[in-house]
């Protein structure tokens, strides 16, 4: 537990640490291995961004095609035809 808290404090104190590497063997810290890990990470980030964009576009299309016509106000022609001046007055 002392190791974990010391490591976290050291990471916070040192500027420029953006990526943590967990390696148990010097081979795991080879430049090619690190490059491959980074490319997998970058690819995954790009795919997540594209999925978010696609979801946003689908929601915009659904709103434009289905929800917005329902929420639009009724036409003025219908509102004018219901007025009391068009109905006969039976009280006279």
C-alpha atoms as a PDB file:
ATOM      1  CA  UNK A   1       0.000   0.000   0.000  1.00  0.00           C
ATOM      2  CA  UNK A   2       2.894   2.339   0.711  1.00  0.00           C
ATOM      3  CA  UNK A   3       4.214   1.704  -2.805  1.00  0.00           C
ATOM      4  CA  UNK A   4       0.895   2.636  -4.445  1.00  0.00           C
ATOM      5  CA  UNK A   5       0.536   5.920  -2.574  1.00  0.00           C
ATOM      6  CA  UNK A   6       4.183   6.825  -3.213  1.00  0.00           C
ATOM      7  CA  UNK A   7       3.803   6.099  -6.925  1.00  0.00           C
ATOM      8  CA  UNK A   8       0.636   8.204  -7.184  1.00  0.00           C
ATOM      9  CA  UNK A   9       2.256  11.126  -5.395  1.00  0.00           C
ATOM     10  CA  UNK A  10       5.339  10.897  -7.610  1.00  0.00           C
ATOM     11  CA  UNK A  11       3.148  10.918 -10.756  1.00  0.00           C
ATOM     12  CA  UNK A  12       1.327  14.035  -9.534  1.00  0.00           C
ATOM     13  CA  UNK A  13       4.554  15.845  -8.728  1.00  0.00           C
ATOM     14  CA  UNK A  14       6.299  15.143 -12.052  1.00  0.00           C
ATOM     15  CA  UNK A  15       5.050  17.245 -14.962  1.00  0.00           C
ATOM     16  CA  UNK A  16       4.679  15.583 -18.339  1.00  0.00           C
ATOM     17  CA  UNK A  17       3.748  12.050 -17.249  1.00  0.00           C
ATOM     18  CA  UNK A  18       0.809  11.138 -19.446  1.00  0.00           C
ATOM     19  CA  UNK A  19       1.106   7.407 -19.885  1.00  0.00           C
ATOM     20  CA  UNK A  20       1.883   4.687 -17.369  1.00  0.00           C
ATOM     21  CA  UNK A  21       3.632   1.505 -18.448  1.00  0.00           C
ATOM     22  CA  UNK A  22       3.330  -1.655 -16.404  1.00  0.00           C
ATOM     23  CA  UNK A  23       6.111  -4.053 -17.336  1.00  0.00           C
ATOM     24  CA  UNK A  24       7.538  -7.068 -15.568  1.00  0.00           C
ATOM     25  CA  UNK A  25      10.296  -7.721 -18.087  1.00  0.00           C
ATOM     26  CA  UNK A  26      12.670  -5.377 -19.970  1.00  0.00           C
ATOM     27  CA  UNK A  27      11.343  -6.823 -23.246  1.00  0.00           C
ATOM     28  CA  UNK A  28       7.936  -5.303 -22.449  1.00  0.00           C
ATOM     29  CA  UNK A  29       9.569  -1.866 -22.493  1.00  0.00           C
ATOM     30  CA  UNK A  30      11.001  -2.285 -25.991  1.00  0.00           C
ATOM     31  CA  UNK A  31      10.292   0.640 -28.295  1.00  0.00           C
ATOM     32  CA  UNK A  32       8.344  -1.521 -30.765  1.00  0.00           C
ATOM     33  CA  UNK A  33       6.112  -2.884 -27.971  1.00  0.00           C
ATOM     34  CA  UNK A  34       5.426   0.635 -26.712  1.00  0.00           C
ATOM     35  CA  UNK A  35       4.668   1.815 -30.246  1.00  0.00           C
ATOM     36  CA  UNK A  36       2.200  -1.043 -30.793  1.00  0.00           C
ATOM     37  CA  UNK A  37       0.467  -0.296 -27.493  1.00  0.00           C
ATOM     38  CA  UNK A  38       0.162   3.359 -28.431  1.00  0.00           C
ATOM     39  CA  UNK A  39      -1.242   2.556 -31.884  1.00  0.00           C
ATOM     40  CA  UNK A  40      -3.859   0.243 -30.349  1.00  0.00           C
ATOM     41  CA  UNK A  41      -4.776   2.972 -27.864  1.00  0.00           C
ATOM     42  CA  UNK A  42      -4.980   5.651 -30.592  1.00  0.00           C
ATOM     43  CA  UNK A  43      -7.079   3.378 -32.816  1.00  0.00           C
ATOM     44  CA  UNK A  44      -9.479   2.628 -29.966  1.00  0.00           C
ATOM     45  CA  UNK A  45      -9.824   6.348 -29.194  1.00  0.00           C
ATOM     46  CA  UNK A  46     -10.558   7.128 -32.846  1.00  0.00           C
ATOM     47  CA  UNK A  47     -13.171   4.369 -33.055  1.00  0.00           C
ATOM     48  CA  UNK A  48     -14.897   5.655 -29.919  1.00  0.00           C
ATOM     49  CA  UNK A  49     -14.984   9.178 -31.376  1.00  0.00           C
ATOM     50  CA  UNK A  50     -16.463   7.909 -34.649  1.00  0.00           C
ATOM     51  CA  UNK A  51     -19.109   5.914 -32.756  1.00  0.00           C
ATOM     52  CA  UNK A  52     -20.101   9.007 -30.770  1.00  0.00           C
ATOM     53  CA  UNK A  53     -20.381  11.012 -33.996  1.00  0.00           C
ATOM     54  CA  UNK A  54     -22.534   8.309 -35.590  1.00  0.00           C
ATOM     55  CA  UNK A  55     -24.823   8.178 -32.539  1.00  0.00           C
ATOM     56  CA  UNK A  56     -25.183  11.964 -32.622  1.00  0.00           C
ATOM     57  CA  UNK A  57     -26.074  11.919 -36.333  1.00  0.00           C
ATOM     58  CA  UNK A  58     -28.665   9.164 -35.814  1.00  0.00           C
ATOM     59  CA  UNK A  59     -30.274  11.058 -32.934  1.00  0.00           C
ATOM     60  CA  UNK A  60     -30.403  14.253 -35.015  1.00  0.00           C
ATOM     61  CA  UNK A  61     -32.085  12.352 -37.858  1.00  0.00           C
ATOM     62  CA  UNK A  62     -34.597  10.765 -35.496  1.00  0.00           C
ATOM     63  CA  UNK A  63     -35.421  14.120 -33.968  1.00  0.00           C
ATOM     64  CA  UNK A  64     -35.795  15.756 -37.366  1.00  0.00           C
ATOM     65  CA  UNK A  65     -37.971  12.989 -38.837  1.00  0.00           C
ATOM     66  CA  UNK A  66     -40.139  11.832 -35.955  1.00  0.00           C
ATOM     67  CA  UNK A  67     -40.125  14.067 -32.916  1.00  0.00           C
ATOM     68  CA  UNK A  68     -40.074  17.539 -34.452  1.00  0.00           C
ATOM     69  CA  UNK A  69     -43.275  17.074 -36.558  1.00  0.00           C
ATOM     70  CA  UNK A  70     -45.130  15.961 -33.430  1.00  0.00           C
ATOM     71  CA  UNK A  71     -43.919  18.935 -31.429  1.00  0.00           C
ATOM     72  CA  UNK A  72     -44.578  21.501 -34.153  1.00  0.00           C
ATOM     73  CA  UNK A  73     -47.480  23.910 -33.478  1.00  0.00           C
ATOM     74  CA  UNK A  74     -50.776  23.339 -35.302  1.00  0.00           C
ATOM     75  CA  UNK A  75     -51.378  25.330 -38.453  1.00  0.00           C
ATOM     76  CA  UNK A  76     -53.025  28.721 -38.175  1.00  0.00           C
ATOM     77  CA  UNK A  77     -55.806  27.706 -40.589  1.00  0.00           C
ATOM     78  CA  UNK A  78     -57.090  25.133 -38.118  1.00  0.00           C
ATOM     79  CA  UNK A  79     -56.942  27.617 -35.247  1.00  0.00           C
ATOM     80  CA  UNK A  80     -58.950  30.248 -37.145  1.00  0.00           C
ATOM     81  CA  UNK A  81     -61.710  27.838 -38.182  1.00  0.00           C
ATOM     82  CA  UNK A  82     -62.568  26.980 -34.575  1.00  0.00           C
ATOM     83  CA  UNK A  83     -63.264  30.578 -33.503  1.00  0.00           C
ATOM     84  CA  UNK A  84     -66.682  31.555 -32.038  1.00  0.00           C
ATOM     85  CA  UNK A  85     -67.455  33.849 -34.973  1.00  0.00           C
ATOM     86  CA  UNK A  86     -67.900  30.866 -37.326  1.00  0.00           C
ATOM     87  CA  UNK A  87     -70.327  29.027 -35.043  1.00  0.00           C
ATOM     88  CA  UNK A  88     -74.024  29.949 -34.960  1.00  0.00           C
ATOM     89  CA  UNK A  89     -75.237  31.663 -31.802  1.00  0.00           C
ATOM     90  CA  UNK A  90     -78.262  29.786 -30.395  1.00  0.00           C
ATOM     91  CA  UNK A  91     -78.807  32.167 -27.474  1.00  0.00           C
ATOM     92  CA  UNK A  92     -80.313  34.936 -29.690  1.00  0.00           C
END
